[in-house]
Amino acid sequence: MDKKHYGAGYLQDTADFLKQLKIQSYSPFNNIKTGVIADLGCGTGMDAINLAQMLGSEVRVVGVDHDEALIEHAKSSSKDIGNVSFVQGEVYQLDFENESIDGVRMERVVQHLTAPDKMFQEVYRILRPGQPIVIVETIWNSLTLYTNQVGIEAKIGHYLTEEKVNNGWAGNKLTADLLAHGFQEVRLQTSCMVSRSREEANRYLYLDKILLEMFDKGKLSQSELDDFQRALDRADECGCFLVSMNLVIAEAKK
């Protein structure tokens, strides 16, 4: 993204909010009894820690993230867990040998990449034949705010997919991207993220920050911003506020 709106607290909040989706994303690794799983873009390390505890001591989980602060947070949170470790690194150049990894997981990572093809090539290189890759991604163009301001909603969707997010169509393109890079047996599941209050929408989606950012960049006029804010306020006050957005879980094998 052009400006990072998230940190450890945000990642923790969304982890709680998306608990069921996360559980679904762990299940393809259930049959791995020994070996190494890489959680790429691991953030605070919660998913890597969960996988390590779920799969037991014979499976080692390595979390990789480019953000030094998040890696330090993950290390601090996992001091007592012997089969998980964290390293700072880039998904474009992973410090693993060819065909040395028994499973790869990524959550809301591909959308941030400016060169996703390089990442897919790296993941294919490190993954053992027949082993799973799981990718969780946001479908940004599915964001719906259920107002009568449909023109403004369309502008928000365009801003997110085409300008704000580096790779805003990443979730929509997962099947094609996985197949194009040699992965097989691609399967998709979808989940709907729902916020039922203005406060929730701001906590999980930074809705007001995005609207103000669009206004500052000239993407929304003052009257459009005011009209949309009023529509959101009315919905919140009458108890009918709703924002929804789809996420997709893609599973494939090398």
C-alpha atoms as a PDB file:
ATOM      1  CA  MET A   1       0.000   0.000   0.000  1.00  0.00           C
ATOM      2  CA  ASP A   2       1.109   3.585  -0.439  1.00  0.00           C
ATOM      3  CA  LYS A   3       0.888   4.142   3.303  1.00  0.00           C
ATOM      4  CA  LYS A   4       1.028   1.433   5.939  1.00  0.00           C
ATOM      5  CA  HIS A   5      -2.069   1.649   8.137  1.00  0.00           C
ATOM      6  CA  TYR A   6      -1.456  -1.471  10.194  1.00  0.00           C
ATOM      7  CA  GLY A   7       0.773  -2.679  13.016  1.00  0.00           C
ATOM      8  CA  ALA A   8       0.876  -5.455  15.596  1.00  0.00           C
ATOM      9  CA  GLY A   9      -2.360  -4.340  17.294  1.00  0.00           C
ATOM     10  CA  TYR A  10      -4.290  -4.275  14.033  1.00  0.00           C
ATOM     11  CA  LEU A  11      -3.013  -7.723  13.063  1.00  0.00           C
ATOM     12  CA  GLN A  12      -4.060  -9.089  16.458  1.00  0.00           C
ATOM     13  CA  ASP A  13      -7.564  -7.610  16.105  1.00  0.00           C
ATOM     14  CA  THR A  14      -8.082  -9.052  12.631  1.00  0.00           C
ATOM     15  CA  ALA A  15      -6.729 -12.408  13.784  1.00  0.00           C
ATOM     16  CA  ASP A  16      -9.543 -12.565  16.345  1.00  0.00           C
ATOM     17  CA  PHE A  17     -12.116 -11.324  13.825  1.00  0.00           C
ATOM     18  CA  LEU A  18     -11.119 -13.909  11.194  1.00  0.00           C
ATOM     19  CA  LYS A  19     -10.666 -16.850  13.561  1.00  0.00           C
ATOM     20  CA  GLN A  20     -12.831 -19.324  11.615  1.00  0.00           C
ATOM     21  CA  LEU A  21     -11.179 -18.437   8.314  1.00  0.00           C
ATOM     22  CA  LYS A  22      -7.766 -18.994   9.878  1.00  0.00           C
ATOM     23  CA  ILE A  23      -8.774 -22.422  11.150  1.00  0.00           C
ATOM     24  CA  GLN A  24      -9.863 -23.330   7.611  1.00  0.00           C
ATOM     25  CA  SER A  25      -6.509 -22.175   6.264  1.00  0.00           C
ATOM     26  CA  TYR A  26      -4.618 -24.462   8.664  1.00  0.00           C
ATOM     27  CA  SER A  27      -6.441 -27.671   7.721  1.00  0.00           C
ATOM     28  CA  PRO A  28      -4.463 -28.502   4.518  1.00  0.00           C
ATOM     29  CA  PHE A  29      -1.367 -28.979   6.717  1.00  0.00           C
ATOM     30  CA  ASN A  30      -2.983 -31.542   9.039  1.00  0.00           C
ATOM     31  CA  ASN A  31      -1.372 -34.501   7.255  1.00  0.00           C
ATOM     32  CA  ILE A  32       2.166 -33.145   7.591  1.00  0.00           C
ATOM     33  CA  LYS A  33       3.802 -35.157  10.387  1.00  0.00           C
ATOM     34  CA  THR A  34       7.441 -34.126   9.943  1.00  0.00           C
ATOM     35  CA  GLY A  35       9.331 -31.422   8.072  1.00  0.00           C
ATOM     36  CA  VAL A  36       9.218 -27.648   7.710  1.00  0.00           C
ATOM     37  CA  ILE A  37       6.333 -25.256   7.010  1.00  0.00           C
ATOM     38  CA  ALA A  38       6.989 -21.648   5.981  1.00  0.00           C
ATOM     39  CA  ASP A  39       4.511 -18.911   6.933  1.00  0.00           C
ATOM     40  CA  LEU A  40       5.398 -16.070   4.572  1.00  0.00           C
ATOM     41  CA  GLY A  41       4.459 -12.539   5.593  1.00  0.00           C
ATOM     42  CA  CYS A  42       3.947 -13.914   9.093  1.00  0.00           C
ATOM     43  CA  GLY A  43       3.341 -10.547  10.783  1.00  0.00           C
ATOM     44  CA  THR A  44       3.093 -10.947  14.563  1.00  0.00           C
ATOM     45  CA  GLY A  45       3.619 -14.702  14.241  1.00  0.00           C
ATOM     46  CA  MET A  46       0.233 -15.807  15.538  1.00  0.00           C
ATOM     47  CA  ASP A  47      -0.474 -18.180  12.646  1.00  0.00           C
ATOM     48  CA  ALA A  48       3.012 -19.694  12.716  1.00  0.00           C
ATOM     49  CA  ILE A  49       2.658 -20.248  16.466  1.00  0.00           C
ATOM     50  CA  ASN A  50      -0.790 -21.797  16.034  1.00  0.00           C
ATOM     51  CA  LEU A  51       0.509 -24.153  13.340  1.00  0.00           C
ATOM     52  CA  ALA A  52       3.513 -25.152  15.452  1.00  0.00           C
ATOM     53  CA  GLN A  53       1.297 -25.995  18.417  1.00  0.00           C
ATOM     54  CA  MET A  54      -1.273 -27.768  16.252  1.00  0.00           C
ATOM     55  CA  LEU A  55       1.187 -29.964  14.347  1.00  0.00           C
ATOM     56  CA  GLY A  56       3.532 -30.930  17.168  1.00  0.00           C
ATOM     57  CA  SER A  57       7.244 -31.024  17.782  1.00  0.00           C
ATOM     58  CA  GLU A  58       8.174 -33.077  14.692  1.00  0.00           C
ATOM     59  CA  VAL A  59       7.096 -30.214  12.414  1.00  0.00           C
ATOM     60  CA  ARG A  60       9.127 -27.010  12.424  1.00  0.00           C
ATOM     61  CA  VAL A  61       7.388 -23.771  11.423  1.00  0.00           C
ATOM     62  CA  VAL A  62       9.411 -20.819  10.143  1.00  0.00           C
ATOM     63  CA  GLY A  63       7.803 -17.387   9.939  1.00  0.00           C
ATOM     64  CA  VAL A  64       9.225 -14.870   7.470  1.00  0.00           C
ATOM     65  CA  ASP A  65       8.420 -11.159   7.320  1.00  0.00           C
ATOM     66  CA  HIS A  66      10.201  -8.069   5.988  1.00  0.00           C
ATOM     67  CA  ASP A  67       9.156  -5.956   8.991  1.00  0.00           C
ATOM     68  CA  GLU A  68      11.786  -6.058  11.741  1.00  0.00           C
ATOM     69  CA  ALA A  69       9.399  -4.831  14.453  1.00  0.00           C
ATOM     70  CA  LEU A  70       6.857  -7.548  13.693  1.00  0.00           C
ATOM     71  CA  ILE A  71       9.569 -10.224  13.683  1.00  0.00           C
ATOM     72  CA  GLU A  72      10.778  -9.076  17.105  1.00  0.00           C
ATOM     73  CA  HIS A  73       7.177  -9.167  18.354  1.00  0.00           C
ATOM     74  CA  ALA A  74       6.811 -12.720  17.024  1.00  0.00           C
ATOM     75  CA  LYS A  75      10.049 -13.861  18.661  1.00  0.00           C
ATOM     76  CA  SER A  76       8.960 -12.395  21.988  1.00  0.00           C
ATOM     77  CA  SER A  77       5.595 -14.184  21.769  1.00  0.00           C
ATOM     78  CA  SER A  78       7.122 -17.594  20.991  1.00  0.00           C
ATOM     79  CA  LYS A  79       9.971 -17.926  23.491  1.00  0.00           C
ATOM     80  CA  ASP A  80       8.523 -21.082  25.046  1.00  0.00           C
ATOM     81  CA  ILE A  81       7.655 -22.847  21.772  1.00  0.00           C
ATOM     82  CA  GLY A  82      10.551 -24.933  20.534  1.00  0.00           C
ATOM     83  CA  ASN A  83       9.368 -25.779  17.022  1.00  0.00           C
ATOM     84  CA  VAL A  84       8.752 -22.266  15.698  1.00  0.00           C
ATOM     85  CA  SER A  85      11.277 -19.640  14.620  1.00  0.00           C
ATOM     86  CA  PHE A  86      11.145 -16.268  12.898  1.00  0.00           C
ATOM     87  CA  VAL A  87      13.468 -14.603  10.405  1.00  0.00           C
ATOM     88  CA  GLN A  88      13.428 -11.247   8.678  1.00  0.00           C
ATOM     89  CA  GLY A  89      13.404 -11.605   4.910  1.00  0.00           C
ATOM     90  CA  GLU A  90      11.719 -10.897   1.592  1.00  0.00           C
ATOM     91  CA  VAL A  91       9.387 -13.256  -0.251  1.00  0.00           C
ATOM     92  CA  TYR A  92      11.241 -12.474  -3.475  1.00  0.00           C
ATOM     93  CA  GLN A  93      14.444 -14.099  -2.202  1.00  0.00           C
ATOM     94  CA  LEU A  94      13.768 -16.784   0.386  1.00  0.00           C
ATOM     95  CA  ASP A  95      16.620 -18.299   2.369  1.00  0.00           C
ATOM     96  CA  PHE A  96      15.558 -21.917   1.839  1.00  0.00           C
ATOM     97  CA  GLU A  97      17.113 -24.646  -0.298  1.00  0.00           C
ATOM     98  CA  ASN A  98      15.359 -25.949  -3.412  1.00  0.00           C
ATOM     99  CA  GLU A  99      12.482 -28.327  -2.570  1.00  0.00           C
ATOM    100  CA  SER A 100      13.203 -28.144   1.168  1.00  0.00           C
ATOM    101  CA  ILE A 101       9.799 -26.962   2.452  1.00  0.00           C
ATOM    102  CA  ASP A 102       6.818 -29.222   3.173  1.00  0.00           C
ATOM    103  CA  GLY A 103       4.124 -26.541   3.206  1.00  0.00           C
ATOM    104  CA  VAL A 104       3.726 -22.814   2.540  1.00  0.00           C
ATOM    105  CA  ARG A 105       1.092 -20.489   3.960  1.00  0.00           C
ATOM    106  CA  MET A 106       0.471 -16.811   3.185  1.00  0.00           C
ATOM    107  CA  GLU A 107      -2.311 -14.553   4.434  1.00  0.00           C
ATOM    108  CA  ARG A 108      -3.074 -11.180   2.841  1.00  0.00           C
ATOM    109  CA  VAL A 109       0.446 -10.959   1.439  1.00  0.00           C
ATOM    110  CA  VAL A 110       0.082 -11.166  -2.346  1.00  0.00           C
ATOM    111  CA  GLN A 111      -2.026  -7.986  -2.413  1.00  0.00           C
ATOM    112  CA  HIS A 112       0.944  -5.977  -1.134  1.00  0.00           C
ATOM    113  CA  LEU A 113       3.454  -7.243  -3.702  1.00  0.00           C
ATOM    114  CA  THR A 114       4.609  -5.188  -6.662  1.00  0.00           C
ATOM    115  CA  ALA A 115       6.188  -8.246  -8.336  1.00  0.00           C
ATOM    116  CA  PRO A 116       3.981 -11.241  -7.436  1.00  0.00           C
ATOM    117  CA  ASP A 117       5.403 -13.422 -10.225  1.00  0.00           C
ATOM    118  CA  LYS A 118       8.808 -13.405  -8.507  1.00  0.00           C
ATOM    119  CA  MET A 119       7.188 -14.563  -5.265  1.00  0.00           C
ATOM    120  CA  PHE A 120       5.312 -17.428  -6.966  1.00  0.00           C
ATOM    121  CA  GLN A 121       8.556 -18.554  -8.607  1.00  0.00           C
ATOM    122  CA  GLU A 122      10.346 -18.552  -5.254  1.00  0.00           C
ATOM    123  CA  VAL A 123       7.583 -20.514  -3.538  1.00  0.00           C
ATOM    124  CA  TYR A 124       7.585 -23.078  -6.338  1.00  0.00           C
ATOM    125  CA  ARG A 125      11.361 -23.397  -5.982  1.00  0.00           C
ATOM    126  CA  ILE A 126      11.368 -24.107  -2.236  1.00  0.00           C
ATOM    127  CA  LEU A 127       8.280 -26.352  -2.039  1.00  0.00           C
ATOM    128  CA  ARG A 128       8.633 -30.123  -2.252  1.00  0.00           C
ATOM    129  CA  PRO A 129       6.662 -31.863  -5.045  1.00  0.00           C
ATOM    130  CA  GLY A 130       3.142 -32.820  -4.000  1.00  0.00           C
ATOM    131  CA  GLN A 131       3.131 -30.511  -0.980  1.00  0.00           C
ATOM    132  CA  PRO A 132       0.522 -27.805  -0.219  1.00  0.00           C
ATOM    133  CA  ILE A 133       0.500 -24.053  -0.584  1.00  0.00           C
ATOM    134  CA  VAL A 134      -2.336 -22.097   1.066  1.00  0.00           C
ATOM    135  CA  ILE A 135      -3.007 -18.432   0.287  1.00  0.00           C
ATOM    136  CA  VAL A 136      -5.618 -16.258   2.020  1.00  0.00           C
ATOM    137  CA  GLU A 137      -6.472 -13.077   0.139  1.00  0.00           C
ATOM    138  CA  THR A 138      -8.897 -10.174   0.181  1.00  0.00           C
ATOM    139  CA  ILE A 139     -11.349  -9.631  -2.671  1.00  0.00           C
ATOM    140  CA  TRP A 140     -11.186  -5.851  -2.557  1.00  0.00           C
ATOM    141  CA  ASN A 141     -13.755  -5.234  -5.281  1.00  0.00           C
ATOM    142  CA  SER A 142     -16.355  -7.104  -3.194  1.00  0.00           C
ATOM    143  CA  LEU A 143     -16.404  -4.350  -0.537  1.00  0.00           C
ATOM    144  CA  THR A 144     -20.039  -3.287  -0.072  1.00  0.00           C
ATOM    145  CA  LEU A 145     -21.229  -0.577   2.312  1.00  0.00           C
ATOM    146  CA  TYR A 146     -24.994  -0.830   1.718  1.00  0.00           C
ATOM    147  CA  THR A 147     -25.683   2.871   1.302  1.00  0.00           C
ATOM    148  CA  ASN A 148     -27.676   4.703  -1.362  1.00  0.00           C
ATOM    149  CA  GLN A 149     -24.439   6.380  -2.460  1.00  0.00           C
ATOM    150  CA  VAL A 150     -23.601   3.736  -5.057  1.00  0.00           C
ATOM    151  CA  GLY A 151     -21.499   6.070  -7.181  1.00  0.00           C
ATOM    152  CA  ILE A 152     -19.270   6.864  -4.219  1.00  0.00           C
ATOM    153  CA  GLU A 153     -19.056   3.179  -3.310  1.00  0.00           C
ATOM    154  CA  ALA A 154     -17.860   2.518  -6.860  1.00  0.00           C
ATOM    155  CA  LYS A 155     -15.166   5.189  -6.440  1.00  0.00           C
ATOM    156  CA  ILE A 156     -14.016   3.590  -3.185  1.00  0.00           C
ATOM    157  CA  GLY A 157     -13.792   0.178  -4.846  1.00  0.00           C
ATOM    158  CA  HIS A 158     -11.805   1.595  -7.752  1.00  0.00           C
ATOM    159  CA  TYR A 159      -9.440   3.441  -5.417  1.00  0.00           C
ATOM    160  CA  LEU A 160      -8.723   0.319  -3.376  1.00  0.00           C
ATOM    161  CA  THR A 161      -8.210  -2.074  -6.276  1.00  0.00           C
ATOM    162  CA  GLU A 162      -6.413   0.239  -8.691  1.00  0.00           C
ATOM    163  CA  GLU A 163      -4.525   2.745  -6.523  1.00  0.00           C
ATOM    164  CA  LYS A 164      -4.355   2.108  -2.774  1.00  0.00           C
ATOM    165  CA  VAL A 165      -3.422  -1.571  -2.804  1.00  0.00           C
ATOM    166  CA  ASN A 166      -0.308  -2.505  -4.760  1.00  0.00           C
ATOM    167  CA  ASN A 167      -1.886  -5.640  -6.215  1.00  0.00           C
ATOM    168  CA  GLY A 168      -5.564  -4.976  -5.613  1.00  0.00           C
ATOM    169  CA  TRP A 169      -6.852  -7.799  -7.811  1.00  0.00           C
ATOM    170  CA  ALA A 170      -4.589 -10.429  -6.215  1.00  0.00           C
ATOM    171  CA  GLY A 171      -7.409 -12.490  -4.717  1.00  0.00           C
ATOM    172  CA  ASN A 172      -9.395 -12.526  -7.946  1.00  0.00           C
ATOM    173  CA  LYS A 173      -6.360 -13.762  -9.897  1.00  0.00           C
ATOM    174  CA  LEU A 174      -5.162 -16.500  -7.540  1.00  0.00           C
ATOM    175  CA  THR A 175      -6.372 -19.445  -9.620  1.00  0.00           C
ATOM    176  CA  ALA A 176      -4.778 -18.119 -12.801  1.00  0.00           C
ATOM    177  CA  ASP A 177      -1.541 -17.142 -11.044  1.00  0.00           C
ATOM    178  CA  LEU A 178      -1.132 -20.502  -9.320  1.00  0.00           C
ATOM    179  CA  LEU A 179      -1.754 -22.453 -12.516  1.00  0.00           C
ATOM    180  CA  ALA A 180       0.542 -20.173 -14.522  1.00  0.00           C
ATOM    181  CA  HIS A 181       3.409 -20.925 -12.141  1.00  0.00           C
ATOM    182  CA  GLY A 182       3.050 -24.696 -12.254  1.00  0.00           C
ATOM    183  CA  PHE A 183       0.877 -25.429  -9.227  1.00  0.00           C
ATOM    184  CA  GLN A 184      -1.857 -28.053  -9.512  1.00  0.00           C
ATOM    185  CA  GLU A 185      -5.107 -29.146  -7.855  1.00  0.00           C
ATOM    186  CA  VAL A 186      -6.183 -25.568  -7.148  1.00  0.00           C
ATOM    187  CA  ARG A 187      -9.210 -25.335  -4.857  1.00  0.00           C
ATOM    188  CA  LEU A 188     -10.962 -22.198  -3.583  1.00  0.00           C
ATOM    189  CA  GLN A 189     -13.130 -21.446  -0.563  1.00  0.00           C
ATOM    190  CA  THR A 190     -14.682 -18.091   0.237  1.00  0.00           C
ATOM    191  CA  SER A 191     -15.564 -16.366   3.484  1.00  0.00           C
ATOM    192  CA  CYS A 192     -17.400 -13.112   4.138  1.00  0.00           C
ATOM    193  CA  MET A 193     -15.996 -10.534   6.547  1.00  0.00           C
ATOM    194  CA  VAL A 194     -18.822  -8.502   8.111  1.00  0.00           C
ATOM    195  CA  SER A 195     -18.737  -5.333  10.225  1.00  0.00           C
ATOM    196  CA  ARG A 196     -21.996  -4.287  11.884  1.00  0.00           C
ATOM    197  CA  SER A 197     -20.959  -0.922  13.320  1.00  0.00           C
ATOM    198  CA  ARG A 198     -18.994   2.130  12.280  1.00  0.00           C
ATOM    199  CA  GLU A 199     -16.506   1.381  15.040  1.00  0.00           C
ATOM    200  CA  GLU A 200     -15.879  -2.139  13.716  1.00  0.00           C
ATOM    201  CA  ALA A 201     -15.483  -0.876  10.160  1.00  0.00           C
ATOM    202  CA  ASN A 202     -12.854   1.591  11.323  1.00  0.00           C
ATOM    203  CA  ARG A 203     -11.037  -0.956  13.467  1.00  0.00           C
ATOM    204  CA  TYR A 204     -10.792  -3.653  10.799  1.00  0.00           C
ATOM    205  CA  LEU A 205     -10.939  -1.696   7.536  1.00  0.00           C
ATOM    206  CA  TYR A 206      -9.766   1.810   8.499  1.00  0.00           C
ATOM    207  CA  LEU A 207     -12.846   3.068   6.674  1.00  0.00           C
ATOM    208  CA  ASP A 208     -12.718   6.706   7.816  1.00  0.00           C
ATOM    209  CA  LYS A 209      -8.970   6.917   7.142  1.00  0.00           C
ATOM    210  CA  ILE A 210      -9.525   5.651   3.600  1.00  0.00           C
ATOM    211  CA  LEU A 211     -12.320   8.181   2.984  1.00  0.00           C
ATOM    212  CA  LEU A 212     -10.194  11.076   4.254  1.00  0.00           C
ATOM    213  CA  GLU A 213      -7.236   9.867   2.220  1.00  0.00           C
ATOM    214  CA  MET A 214      -9.401   9.833  -0.909  1.00  0.00           C
ATOM    215  CA  PHE A 215     -10.595  13.365  -0.133  1.00  0.00           C
ATOM    216  CA  ASP A 216      -7.033  14.603   0.428  1.00  0.00           C
ATOM    217  CA  LYS A 217      -5.999  13.141  -2.932  1.00  0.00           C
ATOM    218  CA  GLY A 218      -8.937  14.682  -4.762  1.00  0.00           C
ATOM    219  CA  LYS A 219     -10.679  11.349  -5.330  1.00  0.00           C
ATOM    220  CA  LEU A 220     -13.770  12.543  -3.428  1.00  0.00           C
ATOM    221  CA  SER A 221     -15.200  16.064  -3.323  1.00  0.00           C
ATOM    222  CA  GLN A 222     -16.208  17.710  -0.050  1.00  0.00           C
ATOM    223  CA  SER A 223     -19.889  17.169  -0.846  1.00  0.00           C
ATOM    224  CA  GLU A 224     -19.306  13.496  -1.701  1.00  0.00           C
ATOM    225  CA  LEU A 225     -17.401  12.965   1.543  1.00  0.00           C
ATOM    226  CA  ASP A 226     -20.111  14.719   3.571  1.00  0.00           C
ATOM    227  CA  ASP A 227     -22.949  12.805   1.880  1.00  0.00           C
ATOM    228  CA  PHE A 228     -21.231   9.480   2.405  1.00  0.00           C
ATOM    229  CA  GLN A 229     -20.366  10.202   6.034  1.00  0.00           C
ATOM    230  CA  ARG A 230     -24.005  11.142   6.686  1.00  0.00           C
ATOM    231  CA  ALA A 231     -25.218   7.919   5.071  1.00  0.00           C
ATOM    232  CA  LEU A 232     -22.878   5.872   7.269  1.00  0.00           C
ATOM    233  CA  ASP A 233     -23.920   7.816  10.381  1.00  0.00           C
ATOM    234  CA  ARG A 234     -27.626   7.255   9.668  1.00  0.00           C
ATOM    235  CA  ALA A 235     -27.112   3.527   9.233  1.00  0.00           C
ATOM    236  CA  ASP A 236     -25.071   3.314  12.431  1.00  0.00           C
ATOM    237  CA  GLU A 237     -27.611   5.304  14.454  1.00  0.00           C
ATOM    238  CA  CYS A 238     -30.565   3.192  13.355  1.00  0.00           C
ATOM    239  CA  GLY A 239     -28.756  -0.097  13.993  1.00  0.00           C
ATOM    240  CA  CYS A 240     -28.693  -1.196  10.348  1.00  0.00           C
ATOM    241  CA  PHE A 241     -25.025  -0.491   9.595  1.00  0.00           C
ATOM    242  CA  LEU A 242     -23.361  -3.219   7.545  1.00  0.00           C
ATOM    243  CA  VAL A 243     -20.120  -3.516   5.628  1.00  0.00           C
ATOM    244  CA  SER A 244     -19.113  -6.770   3.974  1.00  0.00           C
ATOM    245  CA  MET A 245     -16.151  -8.004   2.007  1.00  0.00           C
ATOM    246  CA  ASN A 246     -15.177 -11.433   0.743  1.00  0.00           C
ATOM    247  CA  LEU A 247     -11.932 -13.252   1.369  1.00  0.00           C
ATOM    248  CA  VAL A 248     -10.712 -16.316  -0.486  1.00  0.00           C
ATOM    249  CA  ILE A 249      -8.649 -19.300   0.636  1.00  0.00           C
ATOM    250  CA  ALA A 250      -6.745 -20.880  -2.241  1.00  0.00           C
ATOM    251  CA  GLU A 251      -5.138 -24.288  -1.786  1.00  0.00           C
ATOM    252  CA  ALA A 252      -2.870 -25.927  -4.357  1.00  0.00           C
ATOM    253  CA  LYS A 253      -0.022 -28.416  -4.632  1.00  0.00           C
ATOM    254  CA  LYS A 254       3.287 -28.361  -6.418  1.00  0.00           C
END
